[in-house]
Amino acid sequence: MNVTVLYFARLREAIGRERDVFSLPPEVTTVGALRGWLVAQGEPWAGAFAETRRVRAAVNHEMARDDATPIGDGAEVAFFPPVTGG
């Protein structure tokens, strides 16, 4: 399954880019599983997600919950801190 992951605010700065496209393993089917998979990939994701206590997510422009929001092939998943600035 292929997904596009977008990073905003401090996450974008920590990761060094605004987006990635990943081909995910079959067991990564929720936002929480994606977050865990990213951290397991090491740097820069491990550090970026560790530094931000509460990272929110949206799937295809809809707010998402780690444990309850599925992701599908072609999904766009955005991660952002609670306050993205103004």
PDB file of N, CA and C in Angstrom:
ATOM      1  N   MET A   1       0.852  -1.168   0.000  1.00  0.00           N
ATOM      2  CA  MET A   1       0.000   0.000   0.000  1.00  0.00           C
ATOM      3  C   MET A   1       0.897   1.229   0.000  1.00  0.00           C
ATOM      4  N   ASN A   2       0.576   2.184  -0.856  1.00  0.00           N
ATOM      5  CA  ASN A   2       1.333   3.426  -0.941  1.00  0.00           C
ATOM      6  C   ASN A   2       0.556   4.552  -0.287  1.00  0.00           C
ATOM      7  N   VAL A   3       1.252   5.360   0.515  1.00  0.00           N
ATOM      8  CA  VAL A   3       0.651   6.522   1.148  1.00  0.00           C
ATOM      9  C   VAL A   3       1.599   7.703   1.018  1.00  0.00           C
ATOM     10  N   THR A   4       1.012   8.889   1.033  1.00  0.00           N
ATOM     11  CA  THR A   4       1.779  10.125   1.088  1.00  0.00           C
ATOM     12  C   THR A   4       1.666  10.647   2.506  1.00  0.00           C
ATOM     13  N   VAL A   5       2.798  10.967   3.109  1.00  0.00           N
ATOM     14  CA  VAL A   5       2.821  11.496   4.472  1.00  0.00           C
ATOM     15  C   VAL A   5       3.305  12.932   4.393  1.00  0.00           C
ATOM     16  N   LEU A   6       2.507  13.835   4.968  1.00  0.00           N
ATOM     17  CA  LEU A   6       2.834  15.255   5.006  1.00  0.00           C
ATOM     18  C   LEU A   6       3.229  15.644   6.414  1.00  0.00           C
ATOM     19  N   TYR A   7       4.211  16.535   6.526  1.00  0.00           N
ATOM     20  CA  TYR A   7       4.688  17.002   7.829  1.00  0.00           C
ATOM     21  C   TYR A   7       4.513  18.514   7.893  1.00  0.00           C
ATOM     22  N   PHE A   8       4.050  19.002   9.032  1.00  0.00           N
ATOM     23  CA  PHE A   8       3.826  20.426   9.201  1.00  0.00           C
ATOM     24  C   PHE A   8       4.575  20.966  10.406  1.00  0.00           C
ATOM     25  N   ALA A   9       4.866  22.262  10.358  1.00  0.00           N
ATOM     26  CA  ALA A   9       5.461  23.025  11.451  1.00  0.00           C
ATOM     27  C   ALA A   9       6.764  22.388  11.924  1.00  0.00           C
ATOM     28  N   ARG A  10       6.899  22.157  13.229  1.00  0.00           N
ATOM     29  CA  ARG A  10       8.149  21.625  13.794  1.00  0.00           C
ATOM     30  C   ARG A  10       8.517  20.261  13.233  1.00  0.00           C
ATOM     31  N   LEU A  11       7.527  19.470  12.884  1.00  0.00           N
ATOM     32  CA  LEU A  11       7.840  18.161  12.303  1.00  0.00           C
ATOM     33  C   LEU A  11       8.549  18.320  10.957  1.00  0.00           C
ATOM     34  N   ARG A  12       8.074  19.230  10.146  1.00  0.00           N
ATOM     35  CA  ARG A  12       8.712  19.467   8.845  1.00  0.00           C
ATOM     36  C   ARG A  12      10.153  19.919   9.043  1.00  0.00           C
ATOM     37  N   GLU A  13      10.377  20.794  10.005  1.00  0.00           N
ATOM     38  CA  GLU A  13      11.737  21.266  10.286  1.00  0.00           C
ATOM     39  C   GLU A  13      12.622  20.129  10.777  1.00  0.00           C
ATOM     40  N   ALA A  14      12.102  19.298  11.659  1.00  0.00           N
ATOM     41  CA  ALA A  14      12.899  18.199  12.223  1.00  0.00           C
ATOM     42  C   ALA A  14      13.204  17.121  11.174  1.00  0.00           C
ATOM     43  N   ILE A  15      12.267  16.859  10.294  1.00  0.00           N
ATOM     44  CA  ILE A  15      12.452  15.807   9.286  1.00  0.00           C
ATOM     45  C   ILE A  15      13.210  16.340   8.074  1.00  0.00           C
ATOM     46  N   GLY A  16      13.082  17.635   7.822  1.00  0.00           N
ATOM     47  CA  GLY A  16      13.852  18.247   6.759  1.00  0.00           C
ATOM     48  C   GLY A  16      13.173  18.265   5.404  1.00  0.00           C
ATOM     49  N   ARG A  17      11.907  17.936   5.384  1.00  0.00           N
ATOM     50  CA  ARG A  17      11.132  17.996   4.134  1.00  0.00           C
ATOM     51  C   ARG A  17       9.653  18.025   4.500  1.00  0.00           C
ATOM     52  N   GLU A  18       8.846  18.339   3.506  1.00  0.00           N
ATOM     53  CA  GLU A  18       7.421  18.476   3.793  1.00  0.00           C
ATOM     54  C   GLU A  18       6.610  17.226   3.507  1.00  0.00           C
ATOM     55  N   ARG A  19       7.170  16.246   2.773  1.00  0.00           N
ATOM     56  CA  ARG A  19       6.396  15.054   2.446  1.00  0.00           C
ATOM     57  C   ARG A  19       7.298  13.878   2.109  1.00  0.00           C
ATOM     58  N   ASP A  20       6.733  12.705   2.272  1.00  0.00           N
ATOM     59  CA  ASP A  20       7.344  11.450   1.856  1.00  0.00           C
ATOM     60  C   ASP A  20       6.255  10.591   1.236  1.00  0.00           C
ATOM     61  N   VAL A  21       6.654   9.708   0.353  1.00  0.00           N
ATOM     62  CA  VAL A  21       5.753   8.692  -0.181  1.00  0.00           C
ATOM     63  C   VAL A  21       6.345   7.344   0.206  1.00  0.00           C
ATOM     64  N   PHE A  22       5.545   6.525   0.866  1.00  0.00           N
ATOM     65  CA  PHE A  22       6.011   5.235   1.357  1.00  0.00           C
ATOM     66  C   PHE A  22       5.176   4.101   0.789  1.00  0.00           C
ATOM     67  N   SER A  23       5.827   2.979   0.590  1.00  0.00           N
ATOM     68  CA  SER A  23       5.144   1.719   0.322  1.00  0.00           C
ATOM     69  C   SER A  23       5.169   0.969   1.650  1.00  0.00           C
ATOM     70  N   LEU A  24       4.021   0.839   2.276  1.00  0.00           N
ATOM     71  CA  LEU A  24       3.945   0.297   3.636  1.00  0.00           C
ATOM     72  C   LEU A  24       3.759  -1.210   3.641  1.00  0.00           C
ATOM     73  N   PRO A  25       4.264  -1.853   4.694  1.00  0.00           N
ATOM     74  CA  PRO A  25       4.003  -3.282   4.850  1.00  0.00           C
ATOM     75  C   PRO A  25       2.523  -3.517   5.165  1.00  0.00           C
ATOM     76  N   PRO A  26       2.009  -4.693   4.901  1.00  0.00           N
ATOM     77  CA  PRO A  26       0.576  -4.969   5.057  1.00  0.00           C
ATOM     78  C   PRO A  26       0.028  -4.755   6.462  1.00  0.00           C
ATOM     79  N   GLU A  27       0.862  -4.889   7.480  1.00  0.00           N
ATOM     80  CA  GLU A  27       0.358  -4.738   8.854  1.00  0.00           C
ATOM     81  C   GLU A  27       0.140  -3.281   9.269  1.00  0.00           C
ATOM     82  N   VAL A  28       0.584  -2.333   8.481  1.00  0.00           N
ATOM     83  CA  VAL A  28       0.393  -0.913   8.804  1.00  0.00           C
ATOM     84  C   VAL A  28      -0.929  -0.472   8.183  1.00  0.00           C
ATOM     85  N   THR A  29      -1.982  -0.497   9.002  1.00  0.00           N
ATOM     86  CA  THR A  29      -3.330  -0.216   8.485  1.00  0.00           C
ATOM     87  C   THR A  29      -4.040   0.918   9.207  1.00  0.00           C
ATOM     88  N   THR A  30      -3.430   1.465  10.271  1.00  0.00           N
ATOM     89  CA  THR A  30      -4.041   2.573  11.007  1.00  0.00           C
ATOM     90  C   THR A  30      -3.026   3.695  11.157  1.00  0.00           C
ATOM     91  N   VAL A  31      -3.523   4.848  11.566  1.00  0.00           N
ATOM     92  CA  VAL A  31      -2.637   5.994  11.799  1.00  0.00           C
ATOM     93  C   VAL A  31      -1.615   5.659  12.882  1.00  0.00           C
ATOM     94  N   GLY A  32      -2.043   4.999  13.948  1.00  0.00           N
ATOM     95  CA  GLY A  32      -1.123   4.638  15.023  1.00  0.00           C
ATOM     96  C   GLY A  32      -0.038   3.685  14.558  1.00  0.00           C
ATOM     97  N   ALA A  33      -0.421   2.728  13.741  1.00  0.00           N
ATOM     98  CA  ALA A  33       0.567   1.786  13.209  1.00  0.00           C
ATOM     99  C   ALA A  33       1.552   2.508  12.291  1.00  0.00           C
ATOM    100  N   LEU A  34       1.069   3.478  11.519  1.00  0.00           N
ATOM    101  CA  LEU A  34       1.960   4.261  10.661  1.00  0.00           C
ATOM    102  C   LEU A  34       2.930   5.070  11.497  1.00  0.00           C
ATOM    103  N   ARG A  35       2.427   5.716  12.537  1.00  0.00           N
ATOM    104  CA  ARG A  35       3.290   6.500  13.427  1.00  0.00           C
ATOM    105  C   ARG A  35       4.374   5.595  14.025  1.00  0.00           C
ATOM    106  N   GLY A  36       3.999   4.424  14.517  1.00  0.00           N
ATOM    107  CA  GLY A  36       4.970   3.485  15.078  1.00  0.00           C
ATOM    108  C   GLY A  36       5.972   3.005  14.052  1.00  0.00           C
ATOM    109  N   TRP A  37       5.502   2.745  12.847  1.00  0.00           N
ATOM    110  CA  TRP A  37       6.386   2.296  11.769  1.00  0.00           C
ATOM    111  C   TRP A  37       7.397   3.379  11.424  1.00  0.00           C
ATOM    112  N   LEU A  38       6.940   4.627  11.362  1.00  0.00           N
ATOM    113  CA  LEU A  38       7.865   5.734  11.079  1.00  0.00           C
ATOM    114  C   LEU A  38       8.947   5.832  12.141  1.00  0.00           C
ATOM    115  N   VAL A  39       8.553   5.786  13.399  1.00  0.00           N
ATOM    116  CA  VAL A  39       9.533   5.873  14.496  1.00  0.00           C
ATOM    117  C   VAL A  39      10.527   4.718  14.409  1.00  0.00           C
ATOM    118  N   ALA A  40      10.046   3.522  14.063  1.00  0.00           N
ATOM    119  CA  ALA A  40      10.917   2.349  13.964  1.00  0.00           C
ATOM    120  C   ALA A  40      11.920   2.465  12.818  1.00  0.00           C
ATOM    121  N   GLN A  41      11.659   3.361  11.866  1.00  0.00           N
ATOM    122  CA  GLN A  41      12.600   3.550  10.756  1.00  0.00           C
ATOM    123  C   GLN A  41      13.842   4.316  11.187  1.00  0.00           C
ATOM    124  N   GLY A  42      13.836   4.841  12.400  1.00  0.00           N
ATOM    125  CA  GLY A  42      15.001   5.577  12.906  1.00  0.00           C
ATOM    126  C   GLY A  42      14.903   7.054  12.565  1.00  0.00           C
ATOM    127  N   GLU A  43      16.054   7.669  12.458  1.00  0.00           N
ATOM    128  CA  GLU A  43      16.091   9.110  12.188  1.00  0.00           C
ATOM    129  C   GLU A  43      15.795   9.386  10.726  1.00  0.00           C
ATOM    130  N   PRO A  44      15.148  10.479  10.446  1.00  0.00           N
ATOM    131  CA  PRO A  44      14.805  11.591  11.333  1.00  0.00           C
ATOM    132  C   PRO A  44      13.460  11.442  12.041  1.00  0.00           C
ATOM    133  N   TRP A  45      12.689  10.395  11.721  1.00  0.00           N
ATOM    134  CA  TRP A  45      11.338  10.275  12.275  1.00  0.00           C
ATOM    135  C   TRP A  45      11.337  10.027  13.784  1.00  0.00           C
ATOM    136  N   ALA A  46      12.216   9.170  14.266  1.00  0.00           N
ATOM    137  CA  ALA A  46      12.235   8.856  15.704  1.00  0.00           C
ATOM    138  C   ALA A  46      12.408  10.123  16.522  1.00  0.00           C
ATOM    139  N   GLY A  47      13.354  10.943  16.147  1.00  0.00           N
ATOM    140  CA  GLY A  47      13.598  12.192  16.870  1.00  0.00           C
ATOM    141  C   GLY A  47      12.476  13.194  16.693  1.00  0.00           C
ATOM    142  N   ALA A  48      11.948  13.287  15.500  1.00  0.00           N
ATOM    143  CA  ALA A  48      10.893  14.265  15.228  1.00  0.00           C
ATOM    144  C   ALA A  48       9.634  13.961  16.030  1.00  0.00           C
ATOM    145  N   PHE A  49       9.251  12.719  16.101  1.00  0.00           N
ATOM    146  CA  PHE A  49       8.042  12.371  16.838  1.00  0.00           C
ATOM    147  C   PHE A  49       8.281  12.340  18.341  1.00  0.00           C
ATOM    148  N   ALA A  50       9.510  12.089  18.775  1.00  0.00           N
ATOM    149  CA  ALA A  50       9.828  12.087  20.209  1.00  0.00           C
ATOM    150  C   ALA A  50       9.816  13.498  20.780  1.00  0.00           C
ATOM    151  N   GLU A  51      10.246  14.465  20.006  1.00  0.00           N
ATOM    152  CA  GLU A  51      10.328  15.848  20.483  1.00  0.00           C
ATOM    153  C   GLU A  51       8.962  16.512  20.581  1.00  0.00           C
ATOM    154  N   THR A  52       8.008  16.032  19.886  1.00  0.00           N
ATOM    155  CA  THR A  52       6.675  16.631  19.883  1.00  0.00           C
ATOM    156  C   THR A  52       5.754  15.723  20.674  1.00  0.00           C
ATOM    157  N   ARG A  53       5.370  16.173  21.865  1.00  0.00           N
ATOM    158  CA  ARG A  53       4.587  15.321  22.767  1.00  0.00           C
ATOM    159  C   ARG A  53       3.261  14.883  22.175  1.00  0.00           C
ATOM    160  N   ARG A  54       2.566  15.807  21.601  1.00  0.00           N
ATOM    161  CA  ARG A  54       1.244  15.465  21.059  1.00  0.00           C
ATOM    162  C   ARG A  54       1.234  15.819  19.590  1.00  0.00           C
ATOM    163  N   VAL A  55       1.311  14.820  18.784  1.00  0.00           N
ATOM    164  CA  VAL A  55       1.251  15.021  17.337  1.00  0.00           C
ATOM    165  C   VAL A  55      -0.120  14.586  16.868  1.00  0.00           C
ATOM    166  N   ARG A  56      -0.805  15.468  16.195  1.00  0.00           N
ATOM    167  CA  ARG A  56      -2.117  15.138  15.655  1.00  0.00           C
ATOM    168  C   ARG A  56      -1.969  14.627  14.233  1.00  0.00           C
ATOM    169  N   ALA A  57      -3.024  14.015  13.742  1.00  0.00           N
ATOM    170  CA  ALA A  57      -2.988  13.464  12.390  1.00  0.00           C
ATOM    171  C   ALA A  57      -4.319  13.690  11.696  1.00  0.00           C
ATOM    172  N   ALA A  58      -4.239  13.735  10.383  1.00  0.00           N
ATOM    173  CA  ALA A  58      -5.431  13.785   9.541  1.00  0.00           C
ATOM    174  C   ALA A  58      -5.213  12.817   8.384  1.00  0.00           C
ATOM    175  N   VAL A  59      -6.274  12.146   7.989  1.00  0.00           N
ATOM    176  CA  VAL A  59      -6.231  11.244   6.842  1.00  0.00           C
ATOM    177  C   VAL A  59      -7.190  11.799   5.800  1.00  0.00           C
ATOM    178  N   ASN A  60      -6.647  12.089   4.635  1.00  0.00           N
ATOM    179  CA  ASN A  60      -7.453  12.657   3.550  1.00  0.00           C
ATOM    180  C   ASN A  60      -8.266  13.860   4.023  1.00  0.00           C
ATOM    181  N   HIS A  61      -7.596  14.752   4.762  1.00  0.00           N
ATOM    182  CA  HIS A  61      -8.154  16.033   5.231  1.00  0.00           C
ATOM    183  C   HIS A  61      -9.191  15.892   6.337  1.00  0.00           C
ATOM    184  N   GLU A  62      -9.275  14.733   6.984  1.00  0.00           N
ATOM    185  CA  GLU A  62     -10.196  14.532   8.105  1.00  0.00           C
ATOM    186  C   GLU A  62      -9.384  14.166   9.337  1.00  0.00           C
ATOM    187  N   MET A  63      -9.694  14.805  10.467  1.00  0.00           N
ATOM    188  CA  MET A  63      -8.968  14.502  11.701  1.00  0.00           C
ATOM    189  C   MET A  63      -9.030  12.998  11.972  1.00  0.00           C
ATOM    190  N   ALA A  64      -7.921  12.482  12.516  1.00  0.00           N
ATOM    191  CA  ALA A  64      -7.788  11.037  12.685  1.00  0.00           C
ATOM    192  C   ALA A  64      -7.403  10.689  14.112  1.00  0.00           C
ATOM    193  N   ARG A  65      -7.770   9.486  14.525  1.00  0.00           N
ATOM    194  CA  ARG A  65      -7.352   8.922  15.813  1.00  0.00           C
ATOM    195  C   ARG A  65      -6.415   7.762  15.539  1.00  0.00           C
ATOM    196  N   ASP A  66      -5.351   7.685  16.318  1.00  0.00           N
ATOM    197  CA  ASP A  66      -4.334   6.655  16.112  1.00  0.00           C
ATOM    198  C   ASP A  66      -4.913   5.252  16.043  1.00  0.00           C
ATOM    199  N   ASP A  67      -5.768   4.926  16.994  1.00  0.00           N
ATOM    200  CA  ASP A  67      -6.229   3.548  17.123  1.00  0.00           C
ATOM    201  C   ASP A  67      -7.471   3.239  16.297  1.00  0.00           C
ATOM    202  N   ALA A  68      -8.123   4.261  15.777  1.00  0.00           N
ATOM    203  CA  ALA A  68      -9.417   4.009  15.142  1.00  0.00           C
ATOM    204  C   ALA A  68      -9.493   4.417  13.673  1.00  0.00           C
ATOM    205  N   THR A  69      -8.522   5.136  13.191  1.00  0.00           N
ATOM    206  CA  THR A  69      -8.626   5.619  11.820  1.00  0.00           C
ATOM    207  C   THR A  69      -7.789   4.754  10.885  1.00  0.00           C
ATOM    208  N   PRO A  70      -8.456   4.054   9.985  1.00  0.00           N
ATOM    209  CA  PRO A  70      -7.714   3.232   9.032  1.00  0.00           C
ATOM    210  C   PRO A  70      -7.101   4.097   7.927  1.00  0.00           C
ATOM    211  N   ILE A  71      -6.045   3.584   7.336  1.00  0.00           N
ATOM    212  CA  ILE A  71      -5.476   4.218   6.152  1.00  0.00           C
ATOM    213  C   ILE A  71      -5.528   3.203   5.023  1.00  0.00           C
ATOM    214  N   GLY A  72      -5.754   3.686   3.845  1.00  0.00           N
ATOM    215  CA  GLY A  72      -5.844   2.798   2.693  1.00  0.00           C
ATOM    216  C   GLY A  72      -4.862   3.204   1.621  1.00  0.00           C
ATOM    217  N   ASP A  73      -4.805   2.409   0.589  1.00  0.00           N
ATOM    218  CA  ASP A  73      -3.900   2.685  -0.519  1.00  0.00           C
ATOM    219  C   ASP A  73      -4.214   4.052  -1.117  1.00  0.00           C
ATOM    220  N   GLY A  74      -3.182   4.849  -1.312  1.00  0.00           N
ATOM    221  CA  GLY A  74      -3.331   6.174  -1.884  1.00  0.00           C
ATOM    222  C   GLY A  74      -3.702   7.249  -0.892  1.00  0.00           C
ATOM    223  N   ALA A  75      -3.787   6.907   0.392  1.00  0.00           N
ATOM    224  CA  ALA A  75      -4.175   7.894   1.403  1.00  0.00           C
ATOM    225  C   ALA A  75      -3.116   8.975   1.552  1.00  0.00           C
ATOM    226  N   GLU A  76      -3.585  10.142   1.970  1.00  0.00           N
ATOM    227  CA  GLU A  76      -2.711  11.238   2.343  1.00  0.00           C
ATOM    228  C   GLU A  76      -2.848  11.408   3.856  1.00  0.00           C
ATOM    229  N   VAL A  77      -1.736  11.210   4.568  1.00  0.00           N
ATOM    230  CA  VAL A  77      -1.739  11.304   6.022  1.00  0.00           C
ATOM    231  C   VAL A  77      -0.886  12.495   6.410  1.00  0.00           C
ATOM    232  N   ALA A  78      -1.473  13.422   7.147  1.00  0.00           N
ATOM    233  CA  ALA A  78      -0.764  14.613   7.594  1.00  0.00           C
ATOM    234  C   ALA A  78      -0.520  14.522   9.094  1.00  0.00           C
ATOM    235  N   PHE A  79       0.696  14.835   9.503  1.00  0.00           N
ATOM    236  CA  PHE A  79       1.042  14.896  10.924  1.00  0.00           C
ATOM    237  C   PHE A  79       1.417  16.336  11.254  1.00  0.00           C
ATOM    238  N   PHE A  80       0.897  16.819  12.386  1.00  0.00           N
ATOM    239  CA  PHE A  80       1.186  18.198  12.770  1.00  0.00           C
ATOM    240  C   PHE A  80       1.042  18.363  14.276  1.00  0.00           C
ATOM    241  N   PRO A  81       1.838  19.295  14.846  1.00  0.00           N
ATOM    242  CA  PRO A  81       1.676  19.612  16.268  1.00  0.00           C
ATOM    243  C   PRO A  81       0.317  20.267  16.499  1.00  0.00           C
ATOM    244  N   PRO A  82      -0.180  20.252  17.745  1.00  0.00           N
ATOM    245  CA  PRO A  82      -1.491  20.840  18.031  1.00  0.00           C
ATOM    246  C   PRO A  82      -1.623  22.294  17.584  1.00  0.00           C
ATOM    247  N   VAL A  83      -0.547  23.053  17.712  1.00  0.00           N
ATOM    248  CA  VAL A  83      -0.568  24.455  17.293  1.00  0.00           C
ATOM    249  C   VAL A  83       0.433  24.610  16.178  1.00  0.00           C
ATOM    250  N   THR A  84      -0.050  24.955  14.999  1.00  0.00           N
ATOM    251  CA  THR A  84       0.851  25.065  13.850  1.00  0.00           C
ATOM    252  C   THR A  84       1.255  26.493  13.557  1.00  0.00           C
ATOM    253  N   GLY A  85       0.892  27.426  14.417  1.00  0.00           N
ATOM    254  CA  GLY A  85       1.352  28.802  14.241  1.00  0.00           C
ATOM    255  C   GLY A  85       0.383  29.658  13.453  1.00  0.00           C
ATOM    256  N   GLY A  86       0.724  30.927  13.396  1.00  0.00           N
ATOM    257  CA  GLY A  86      -0.197  31.809  12.711  1.00  0.00           C
ATOM    258  C   GLY A  86       0.396  33.056  12.231  1.00  0.00           C
TER     259      GLY A  86
END
